[in-house]
């Protein structure tokens, strides 16, 4: 099975969706716990939520395999992106709820981890890097929107209810001045939702690694609360009624990113 789906666009924007995959190869699934096989920490339904992106001319890169196989938004060396804070790693050993991913004695060892990097992690990142280079060659710059979602309550990582829209620009270092603030204003203007910039989620490895304004790549991560578009309990159903309300805002945010690029980078 291929490790990602990709559609090529015409504007200088790439939408990356690294955690939407749910597939686990049978030989790995046989070693995992029943709780893990429900893949609860998936960024559910994001390709469907963002299916308007090709209509804007954006390229879309979406993973097919579960983050339990390998987490594409972690660095290859598995360095902690939030030093001093609890987090899951490149090859998760437990879920956000701290349920074990593997049956006892079935955890992957060094050789297997290296093989997964080669088979799953590197192809996604190679395609991501190649597409950003293609966009730069065509337009003179590239814009990267890293799309994520998460349950509104995850006590392991944050107290209480998560903000609806969690924008991350690595503290302002992953994109040019003004872009993060413009997106925050747009989200905050919608009274139905709340929003924050560089709060609990400042951007994962993809945003930090590829968001290099000096090299003409500008990246933003959005961690969207599940509560705004889906059911938060198993089987994690998509909610067309909720999605219909939030999709126009997401579309305006991507359009704003494109407009910012036209104004600031041409």
C-alpha atoms as a PDB file:
ATOM      1  CA  UNK A   1       0.000   0.000   0.000  1.00  0.00           C
ATOM      2  CA  UNK A   2       1.297   3.460  -0.852  1.00  0.00           C
ATOM      3  CA  UNK A   3       2.374   5.581   2.092  1.00  0.00           C
ATOM      4  CA  UNK A   4       0.646   8.803   1.044  1.00  0.00           C
ATOM      5  CA  UNK A   5      -1.827  10.335  -1.385  1.00  0.00           C
ATOM      6  CA  UNK A   6      -0.790  13.421  -3.309  1.00  0.00           C
ATOM      7  CA  UNK A   7      -2.538  15.829  -5.651  1.00  0.00           C
ATOM      8  CA  UNK A   8      -0.599  18.532  -7.428  1.00  0.00           C
ATOM      9  CA  UNK A   9      -1.914  22.067  -7.417  1.00  0.00           C
ATOM     10  CA  UNK A  10      -1.281  25.284  -9.314  1.00  0.00           C
ATOM     11  CA  UNK A  11      -0.848  27.912  -6.570  1.00  0.00           C
ATOM     12  CA  UNK A  12       2.106  28.232  -4.142  1.00  0.00           C
ATOM     13  CA  UNK A  13       0.300  26.394  -1.317  1.00  0.00           C
ATOM     14  CA  UNK A  14       0.782  22.850  -0.020  1.00  0.00           C
ATOM     15  CA  UNK A  15      -1.619  21.373   2.538  1.00  0.00           C
ATOM     16  CA  UNK A  16       0.110  18.607   4.504  1.00  0.00           C
ATOM     17  CA  UNK A  17      -1.998  16.145   6.534  1.00  0.00           C
ATOM     18  CA  UNK A  18       0.474  13.794   8.237  1.00  0.00           C
ATOM     19  CA  UNK A  19      -1.796  12.227  10.883  1.00  0.00           C
ATOM     20  CA  UNK A  20      -4.957  11.360   8.935  1.00  0.00           C
ATOM     21  CA  UNK A  21      -3.877   7.820   8.076  1.00  0.00           C
ATOM     22  CA  UNK A  22      -5.531   4.827   9.735  1.00  0.00           C
ATOM     23  CA  UNK A  23      -3.870   1.873   8.018  1.00  0.00           C
ATOM     24  CA  UNK A  24      -1.718  -0.505  10.058  1.00  0.00           C
ATOM     25  CA  UNK A  25      -0.028  -3.356   8.153  1.00  0.00           C
ATOM     26  CA  UNK A  26      -1.374  -6.750   9.307  1.00  0.00           C
ATOM     27  CA  UNK A  27       2.013  -7.895  10.599  1.00  0.00           C
ATOM     28  CA  UNK A  28       2.112  -4.871  12.920  1.00  0.00           C
ATOM     29  CA  UNK A  29      -1.558  -5.023  13.862  1.00  0.00           C
ATOM     30  CA  UNK A  30      -1.036  -8.571  15.187  1.00  0.00           C
ATOM     31  CA  UNK A  31       1.331  -7.131  17.795  1.00  0.00           C
ATOM     32  CA  UNK A  32      -0.868  -4.254  18.933  1.00  0.00           C
ATOM     33  CA  UNK A  33      -3.447  -3.956  21.686  1.00  0.00           C
ATOM     34  CA  UNK A  34      -7.187  -3.748  20.959  1.00  0.00           C
ATOM     35  CA  UNK A  35      -7.150  -0.137  22.170  1.00  0.00           C
ATOM     36  CA  UNK A  36      -4.412   0.779  19.702  1.00  0.00           C
ATOM     37  CA  UNK A  37      -6.193  -0.874  16.787  1.00  0.00           C
ATOM     38  CA  UNK A  38      -8.968   1.694  17.129  1.00  0.00           C
ATOM     39  CA  UNK A  39      -6.280   4.290  16.254  1.00  0.00           C
ATOM     40  CA  UNK A  40      -7.906   6.834  18.579  1.00  0.00           C
ATOM     41  CA  UNK A  41      -5.206   9.484  18.104  1.00  0.00           C
ATOM     42  CA  UNK A  42      -5.872   9.881  14.388  1.00  0.00           C
ATOM     43  CA  UNK A  43      -6.512  13.354  12.976  1.00  0.00           C
ATOM     44  CA  UNK A  44      -9.876  12.074  11.819  1.00  0.00           C
ATOM     45  CA  UNK A  45     -11.578  13.067   8.554  1.00  0.00           C
ATOM     46  CA  UNK A  46      -9.223  15.913   7.657  1.00  0.00           C
ATOM     47  CA  UNK A  47      -8.983  15.038   3.940  1.00  0.00           C
ATOM     48  CA  UNK A  48     -12.778  15.303   3.825  1.00  0.00           C
ATOM     49  CA  UNK A  49     -12.826  18.504   5.884  1.00  0.00           C
ATOM     50  CA  UNK A  50     -10.243  20.109   3.586  1.00  0.00           C
ATOM     51  CA  UNK A  51     -11.567  18.697   0.322  1.00  0.00           C
ATOM     52  CA  UNK A  52     -12.106  22.261  -0.900  1.00  0.00           C
ATOM     53  CA  UNK A  53      -8.310  22.829  -1.003  1.00  0.00           C
ATOM     54  CA  UNK A  54      -7.773  21.541  -4.577  1.00  0.00           C
ATOM     55  CA  UNK A  55     -10.463  23.973  -5.696  1.00  0.00           C
ATOM     56  CA  UNK A  56      -8.266  26.791  -4.394  1.00  0.00           C
ATOM     57  CA  UNK A  57      -5.428  25.394  -6.480  1.00  0.00           C
ATOM     58  CA  UNK A  58      -3.527  23.964  -3.506  1.00  0.00           C
ATOM     59  CA  UNK A  59      -1.461  20.794  -3.557  1.00  0.00           C
ATOM     60  CA  UNK A  60      -2.465  18.215  -0.934  1.00  0.00           C
ATOM     61  CA  UNK A  61      -0.242  15.586   0.691  1.00  0.00           C
ATOM     62  CA  UNK A  62      -2.008  13.140   3.030  1.00  0.00           C
ATOM     63  CA  UNK A  63      -0.590  10.132   4.871  1.00  0.00           C
ATOM     64  CA  UNK A  64      -2.251   6.722   4.601  1.00  0.00           C
ATOM     65  CA  UNK A  65      -0.703   4.927   7.586  1.00  0.00           C
ATOM     66  CA  UNK A  66      -1.470   5.480  11.250  1.00  0.00           C
ATOM     67  CA  UNK A  67       0.816   7.572  13.410  1.00  0.00           C
ATOM     68  CA  UNK A  68       1.184   4.388  15.501  1.00  0.00           C
ATOM     69  CA  UNK A  69       3.250   2.976  12.631  1.00  0.00           C
ATOM     70  CA  UNK A  70       5.444   6.081  12.693  1.00  0.00           C
ATOM     71  CA  UNK A  71       4.732   9.706  13.553  1.00  0.00           C
ATOM     72  CA  UNK A  72       5.518  11.834  10.516  1.00  0.00           C
ATOM     73  CA  UNK A  73       5.400  15.045  12.553  1.00  0.00           C
ATOM     74  CA  UNK A  74       8.302  14.023  14.800  1.00  0.00           C
ATOM     75  CA  UNK A  75      11.970  14.473  13.907  1.00  0.00           C
ATOM     76  CA  UNK A  76      13.784  11.406  12.670  1.00  0.00           C
ATOM     77  CA  UNK A  77      16.050  11.451  15.732  1.00  0.00           C
ATOM     78  CA  UNK A  78      12.952  11.467  18.004  1.00  0.00           C
ATOM     79  CA  UNK A  79      14.015  14.624  19.860  1.00  0.00           C
ATOM     80  CA  UNK A  80      11.300  15.995  22.156  1.00  0.00           C
ATOM     81  CA  UNK A  81       9.636  18.983  20.481  1.00  0.00           C
ATOM     82  CA  UNK A  82       8.434  20.314  23.837  1.00  0.00           C
ATOM     83  CA  UNK A  83      11.316  19.781  26.294  1.00  0.00           C
ATOM     84  CA  UNK A  84      10.112  19.173  29.813  1.00  0.00           C
ATOM     85  CA  UNK A  85       6.584  18.301  28.698  1.00  0.00           C
ATOM     86  CA  UNK A  86       4.994  14.896  28.239  1.00  0.00           C
ATOM     87  CA  UNK A  87       4.581  13.866  24.604  1.00  0.00           C
ATOM     88  CA  UNK A  88       4.459  10.809  22.382  1.00  0.00           C
ATOM     89  CA  UNK A  89       7.437   9.878  20.225  1.00  0.00           C
ATOM     90  CA  UNK A  90       8.404   8.947  16.707  1.00  0.00           C
ATOM     91  CA  UNK A  91       7.265   5.356  17.309  1.00  0.00           C
ATOM     92  CA  UNK A  92       4.522   5.787  19.914  1.00  0.00           C
ATOM     93  CA  UNK A  93       4.570   3.277  22.756  1.00  0.00           C
ATOM     94  CA  UNK A  94       1.347   4.539  24.306  1.00  0.00           C
ATOM     95  CA  UNK A  95      -1.701   6.545  23.267  1.00  0.00           C
ATOM     96  CA  UNK A  96      -2.716  10.024  24.339  1.00  0.00           C
ATOM     97  CA  UNK A  97      -4.813   8.263  26.992  1.00  0.00           C
ATOM     98  CA  UNK A  98      -1.670   6.345  28.075  1.00  0.00           C
ATOM     99  CA  UNK A  99      -3.002   3.005  26.857  1.00  0.00           C
ATOM    100  CA  UNK A 100      -0.259   0.682  25.617  1.00  0.00           C
ATOM    101  CA  UNK A 101       0.117   0.467  21.837  1.00  0.00           C
ATOM    102  CA  UNK A 102       1.887  -2.919  21.854  1.00  0.00           C
ATOM    103  CA  UNK A 103       1.166  -6.217  23.498  1.00  0.00           C
ATOM    104  CA  UNK A 104       3.758  -7.157  26.159  1.00  0.00           C
ATOM    105  CA  UNK A 105       7.117  -7.980  24.618  1.00  0.00           C
ATOM    106  CA  UNK A 106       6.054  -6.846  21.117  1.00  0.00           C
ATOM    107  CA  UNK A 107       7.552  -3.354  21.164  1.00  0.00           C
ATOM    108  CA  UNK A 108       9.731  -2.542  18.119  1.00  0.00           C
ATOM    109  CA  UNK A 109      13.494  -2.613  18.522  1.00  0.00           C
ATOM    110  CA  UNK A 110      16.219  -0.560  16.836  1.00  0.00           C
ATOM    111  CA  UNK A 111      16.414  -2.448  13.530  1.00  0.00           C
ATOM    112  CA  UNK A 112      12.658  -2.332  13.032  1.00  0.00           C
ATOM    113  CA  UNK A 113      12.510   1.351  13.902  1.00  0.00           C
ATOM    114  CA  UNK A 114      15.206   2.057  11.314  1.00  0.00           C
ATOM    115  CA  UNK A 115      13.257   0.083   8.717  1.00  0.00           C
ATOM    116  CA  UNK A 116      10.079   2.042   9.427  1.00  0.00           C
ATOM    117  CA  UNK A 117      11.923   5.309   8.941  1.00  0.00           C
ATOM    118  CA  UNK A 118      13.054   4.113   5.523  1.00  0.00           C
ATOM    119  CA  UNK A 119       9.686   2.708   4.490  1.00  0.00           C
ATOM    120  CA  UNK A 120       7.290   5.344   5.838  1.00  0.00           C
ATOM    121  CA  UNK A 121       8.916   8.505   7.253  1.00  0.00           C
ATOM    122  CA  UNK A 122      11.410   9.341   4.538  1.00  0.00           C
ATOM    123  CA  UNK A 123       9.067   8.967   1.532  1.00  0.00           C
ATOM    124  CA  UNK A 124       6.558  11.421   3.044  1.00  0.00           C
ATOM    125  CA  UNK A 125       9.243  13.959   3.851  1.00  0.00           C
ATOM    126  CA  UNK A 126      10.937  13.511   0.502  1.00  0.00           C
ATOM    127  CA  UNK A 127       7.665  14.257  -1.270  1.00  0.00           C
ATOM    128  CA  UNK A 128       6.939  17.209   1.001  1.00  0.00           C
ATOM    129  CA  UNK A 129      10.370  18.720   0.383  1.00  0.00           C
ATOM    130  CA  UNK A 130      10.179  18.082  -3.355  1.00  0.00           C
ATOM    131  CA  UNK A 131       6.775  19.733  -3.638  1.00  0.00           C
ATOM    132  CA  UNK A 132       7.924  22.808  -1.743  1.00  0.00           C
ATOM    133  CA  UNK A 133      10.886  23.068  -4.101  1.00  0.00           C
ATOM    134  CA  UNK A 134       8.569  22.731  -7.107  1.00  0.00           C
ATOM    135  CA  UNK A 135       6.334  25.502  -5.798  1.00  0.00           C
ATOM    136  CA  UNK A 136       9.326  27.746  -5.145  1.00  0.00           C
ATOM    137  CA  UNK A 137      10.637  27.179  -8.655  1.00  0.00           C
ATOM    138  CA  UNK A 138       7.258  28.098 -10.140  1.00  0.00           C
ATOM    139  CA  UNK A 139       6.220  30.971  -7.892  1.00  0.00           C
ATOM    140  CA  UNK A 140       9.364  32.193  -6.164  1.00  0.00           C
ATOM    141  CA  UNK A 141       8.110  31.069  -2.746  1.00  0.00           C
ATOM    142  CA  UNK A 142       6.056  28.319  -1.120  1.00  0.00           C
ATOM    143  CA  UNK A 143       3.373  28.281   1.571  1.00  0.00           C
ATOM    144  CA  UNK A 144       2.844  25.253   3.813  1.00  0.00           C
ATOM    145  CA  UNK A 145      -0.306  24.607   5.835  1.00  0.00           C
ATOM    146  CA  UNK A 146       0.177  21.656   8.197  1.00  0.00           C
ATOM    147  CA  UNK A 147      -3.300  20.401   9.098  1.00  0.00           C
ATOM    148  CA  UNK A 148      -3.958  18.605  12.392  1.00  0.00           C
ATOM    149  CA  UNK A 149      -6.798  17.905  14.797  1.00  0.00           C
ATOM    150  CA  UNK A 150      -7.131  16.549  18.321  1.00  0.00           C
ATOM    151  CA  UNK A 151      -9.735  15.804  20.983  1.00  0.00           C
ATOM    152  CA  UNK A 152     -10.936  18.817  22.923  1.00  0.00           C
ATOM    153  CA  UNK A 153      -9.960  17.170  26.222  1.00  0.00           C
ATOM    154  CA  UNK A 154      -6.591  15.416  26.546  1.00  0.00           C
ATOM    155  CA  UNK A 155      -5.542  15.715  30.205  1.00  0.00           C
ATOM    156  CA  UNK A 156      -2.129  14.222  29.441  1.00  0.00           C
ATOM    157  CA  UNK A 157      -1.171  17.299  27.439  1.00  0.00           C
ATOM    158  CA  UNK A 158      -3.291  20.195  28.659  1.00  0.00           C
ATOM    159  CA  UNK A 159      -5.787  20.979  31.412  1.00  0.00           C
ATOM    160  CA  UNK A 160      -9.451  21.627  30.701  1.00  0.00           C
ATOM    161  CA  UNK A 161     -10.844  22.192  27.213  1.00  0.00           C
ATOM    162  CA  UNK A 162      -8.572  22.877  24.277  1.00  0.00           C
ATOM    163  CA  UNK A 163      -9.077  26.038  22.260  1.00  0.00           C
ATOM    164  CA  UNK A 164     -10.966  25.421  19.004  1.00  0.00           C
ATOM    165  CA  UNK A 165      -8.304  26.862  16.680  1.00  0.00           C
ATOM    166  CA  UNK A 166      -4.678  26.415  17.732  1.00  0.00           C
ATOM    167  CA  UNK A 167      -2.382  28.148  15.267  1.00  0.00           C
ATOM    168  CA  UNK A 168       1.354  27.548  15.461  1.00  0.00           C
ATOM    169  CA  UNK A 169       4.222  29.370  13.786  1.00  0.00           C
ATOM    170  CA  UNK A 170       7.053  28.165  16.044  1.00  0.00           C
ATOM    171  CA  UNK A 171       6.868  31.422  17.954  1.00  0.00           C
ATOM    172  CA  UNK A 172       6.876  33.406  14.726  1.00  0.00           C
ATOM    173  CA  UNK A 173       9.981  31.793  13.228  1.00  0.00           C
ATOM    174  CA  UNK A 174       8.291  29.535  10.644  1.00  0.00           C
ATOM    175  CA  UNK A 175       6.685  32.294   8.557  1.00  0.00           C
ATOM    176  CA  UNK A 176       7.016  35.939   7.701  1.00  0.00           C
ATOM    177  CA  UNK A 177       5.838  38.725   9.961  1.00  0.00           C
ATOM    178  CA  UNK A 178       2.113  39.315  10.053  1.00  0.00           C
ATOM    179  CA  UNK A 179       0.871  36.007   8.651  1.00  0.00           C
ATOM    180  CA  UNK A 180       0.172  34.310  11.985  1.00  0.00           C
ATOM    181  CA  UNK A 181      -1.524  37.422  13.350  1.00  0.00           C
ATOM    182  CA  UNK A 182      -3.689  37.787  10.240  1.00  0.00           C
ATOM    183  CA  UNK A 183      -4.871  34.179  10.542  1.00  0.00           C
ATOM    184  CA  UNK A 184      -5.535  34.595  14.257  1.00  0.00           C
ATOM    185  CA  UNK A 185      -7.645  37.703  13.651  1.00  0.00           C
ATOM    186  CA  UNK A 186      -9.672  35.857  11.034  1.00  0.00           C
ATOM    187  CA  UNK A 187     -10.366  32.913  13.348  1.00  0.00           C
ATOM    188  CA  UNK A 188     -11.016  35.084  16.402  1.00  0.00           C
ATOM    189  CA  UNK A 189     -13.579  37.150  14.489  1.00  0.00           C
ATOM    190  CA  UNK A 190     -15.849  34.089  14.326  1.00  0.00           C
ATOM    191  CA  UNK A 191     -17.776  34.273  17.588  1.00  0.00           C
ATOM    192  CA  UNK A 192     -18.698  30.587  17.452  1.00  0.00           C
ATOM    193  CA  UNK A 193     -15.039  29.598  18.012  1.00  0.00           C
ATOM    194  CA  UNK A 194     -12.070  30.600  20.100  1.00  0.00           C
ATOM    195  CA  UNK A 195      -8.522  30.776  18.807  1.00  0.00           C
ATOM    196  CA  UNK A 196      -4.921  31.138  19.966  1.00  0.00           C
ATOM    197  CA  UNK A 197      -1.550  31.626  18.274  1.00  0.00           C
ATOM    198  CA  UNK A 198       1.508  29.755  19.595  1.00  0.00           C
ATOM    199  CA  UNK A 199      -0.274  28.462  22.663  1.00  0.00           C
ATOM    200  CA  UNK A 200      -0.038  24.801  23.679  1.00  0.00           C
ATOM    201  CA  UNK A 201       0.703  23.828  20.071  1.00  0.00           C
ATOM    202  CA  UNK A 202       3.424  25.942  18.484  1.00  0.00           C
ATOM    203  CA  UNK A 203       4.008  23.699  15.495  1.00  0.00           C
ATOM    204  CA  UNK A 204       5.490  20.250  15.192  1.00  0.00           C
ATOM    205  CA  UNK A 205       8.504  19.009  13.287  1.00  0.00           C
ATOM    206  CA  UNK A 206       7.048  19.736   9.857  1.00  0.00           C
ATOM    207  CA  UNK A 207       6.288  23.373  10.642  1.00  0.00           C
ATOM    208  CA  UNK A 208       9.635  23.907  12.332  1.00  0.00           C
ATOM    209  CA  UNK A 209      11.725  22.014   9.789  1.00  0.00           C
ATOM    210  CA  UNK A 210      10.217  23.363   6.584  1.00  0.00           C
ATOM    211  CA  UNK A 211       9.074  26.792   7.719  1.00  0.00           C
ATOM    212  CA  UNK A 212      12.189  28.722   6.696  1.00  0.00           C
ATOM    213  CA  UNK A 213      11.271  32.263   5.622  1.00  0.00           C
ATOM    214  CA  UNK A 214      14.887  33.020   4.684  1.00  0.00           C
ATOM    215  CA  UNK A 215      14.601  30.174   2.172  1.00  0.00           C
ATOM    216  CA  UNK A 216      11.209  31.460   0.928  1.00  0.00           C
ATOM    217  CA  UNK A 217       9.079  28.785   2.629  1.00  0.00           C
ATOM    218  CA  UNK A 218       6.424  30.001   5.073  1.00  0.00           C
ATOM    219  CA  UNK A 219       4.683  27.411   7.265  1.00  0.00           C
ATOM    220  CA  UNK A 220       1.728  27.454   9.643  1.00  0.00           C
ATOM    221  CA  UNK A 221       0.263  24.596  11.667  1.00  0.00           C
ATOM    222  CA  UNK A 222      -3.389  24.437  12.660  1.00  0.00           C
ATOM    223  CA  UNK A 223      -4.386  22.057  15.450  1.00  0.00           C
ATOM    224  CA  UNK A 224      -8.168  22.020  15.234  1.00  0.00           C
ATOM    225  CA  UNK A 225     -10.365  20.729  18.037  1.00  0.00           C
ATOM    226  CA  UNK A 226     -12.418  17.680  17.105  1.00  0.00           C
ATOM    227  CA  UNK A 227     -15.393  19.317  18.809  1.00  0.00           C
ATOM    228  CA  UNK A 228     -15.907  21.722  15.922  1.00  0.00           C
ATOM    229  CA  UNK A 229     -16.478  19.109  13.209  1.00  0.00           C
ATOM    230  CA  UNK A 230     -16.934  15.518  14.505  1.00  0.00           C
ATOM    231  CA  UNK A 231     -18.093  13.243  17.307  1.00  0.00           C
ATOM    232  CA  UNK A 232     -15.382  12.837  19.912  1.00  0.00           C
ATOM    233  CA  UNK A 233     -16.326   9.311  20.960  1.00  0.00           C
ATOM    234  CA  UNK A 234     -15.956   6.022  19.108  1.00  0.00           C
ATOM    235  CA  UNK A 235     -16.522   5.532  16.192  1.00  0.00           C
ATOM    236  CA  UNK A 236     -15.483   9.178  15.755  1.00  0.00           C
ATOM    237  CA  UNK A 237     -18.080  10.026  13.142  1.00  0.00           C
ATOM    238  CA  UNK A 238     -17.809  13.026  10.853  1.00  0.00           C
ATOM    239  CA  UNK A 239     -20.522  15.605  11.584  1.00  0.00           C
ATOM    240  CA  UNK A 240     -21.635  17.261   8.346  1.00  0.00           C
ATOM    241  CA  UNK A 241     -23.722  19.779  10.287  1.00  0.00           C
ATOM    242  CA  UNK A 242     -20.737  20.974  12.324  1.00  0.00           C
ATOM    243  CA  UNK A 243     -18.338  20.748   9.401  1.00  0.00           C
ATOM    244  CA  UNK A 244     -20.597  22.900   7.248  1.00  0.00           C
ATOM    245  CA  UNK A 245     -20.142  25.733   9.730  1.00  0.00           C
ATOM    246  CA  UNK A 246     -16.351  25.534  10.065  1.00  0.00           C
ATOM    247  CA  UNK A 247     -15.336  24.734   6.481  1.00  0.00           C
ATOM    248  CA  UNK A 248     -15.972  28.278   5.152  1.00  0.00           C
ATOM    249  CA  UNK A 249     -13.665  29.666   7.847  1.00  0.00           C
ATOM    250  CA  UNK A 250     -10.938  27.167   6.963  1.00  0.00           C
ATOM    251  CA  UNK A 251     -11.333  28.109   3.313  1.00  0.00           C
ATOM    252  CA  UNK A 252     -10.996  31.810   4.155  1.00  0.00           C
ATOM    253  CA  UNK A 253      -7.872  31.060   6.186  1.00  0.00           C
ATOM    254  CA  UNK A 254      -6.179  29.312   3.280  1.00  0.00           C
ATOM    255  CA  UNK A 255      -7.279  32.092   0.939  1.00  0.00           C
ATOM    256  CA  UNK A 256      -5.857  34.641   3.381  1.00  0.00           C
ATOM    257  CA  UNK A 257      -2.537  32.793   3.412  1.00  0.00           C
ATOM    258  CA  UNK A 258      -2.465  32.910  -0.379  1.00  0.00           C
ATOM    259  CA  UNK A 259      -3.350  36.609  -0.412  1.00  0.00           C
ATOM    260  CA  UNK A 260      -0.648  37.326   2.150  1.00  0.00           C
ATOM    261  CA  UNK A 261       1.861  35.596  -0.103  1.00  0.00           C
ATOM    262  CA  UNK A 262       0.747  37.607  -3.122  1.00  0.00           C
ATOM    263  CA  UNK A 263       1.065  40.848  -1.182  1.00  0.00           C
ATOM    264  CA  UNK A 264       4.205  40.203   0.832  1.00  0.00           C
ATOM    265  CA  UNK A 265       6.311  37.868  -1.284  1.00  0.00           C
ATOM    266  CA  UNK A 266       5.781  38.812  -4.923  1.00  0.00           C
END
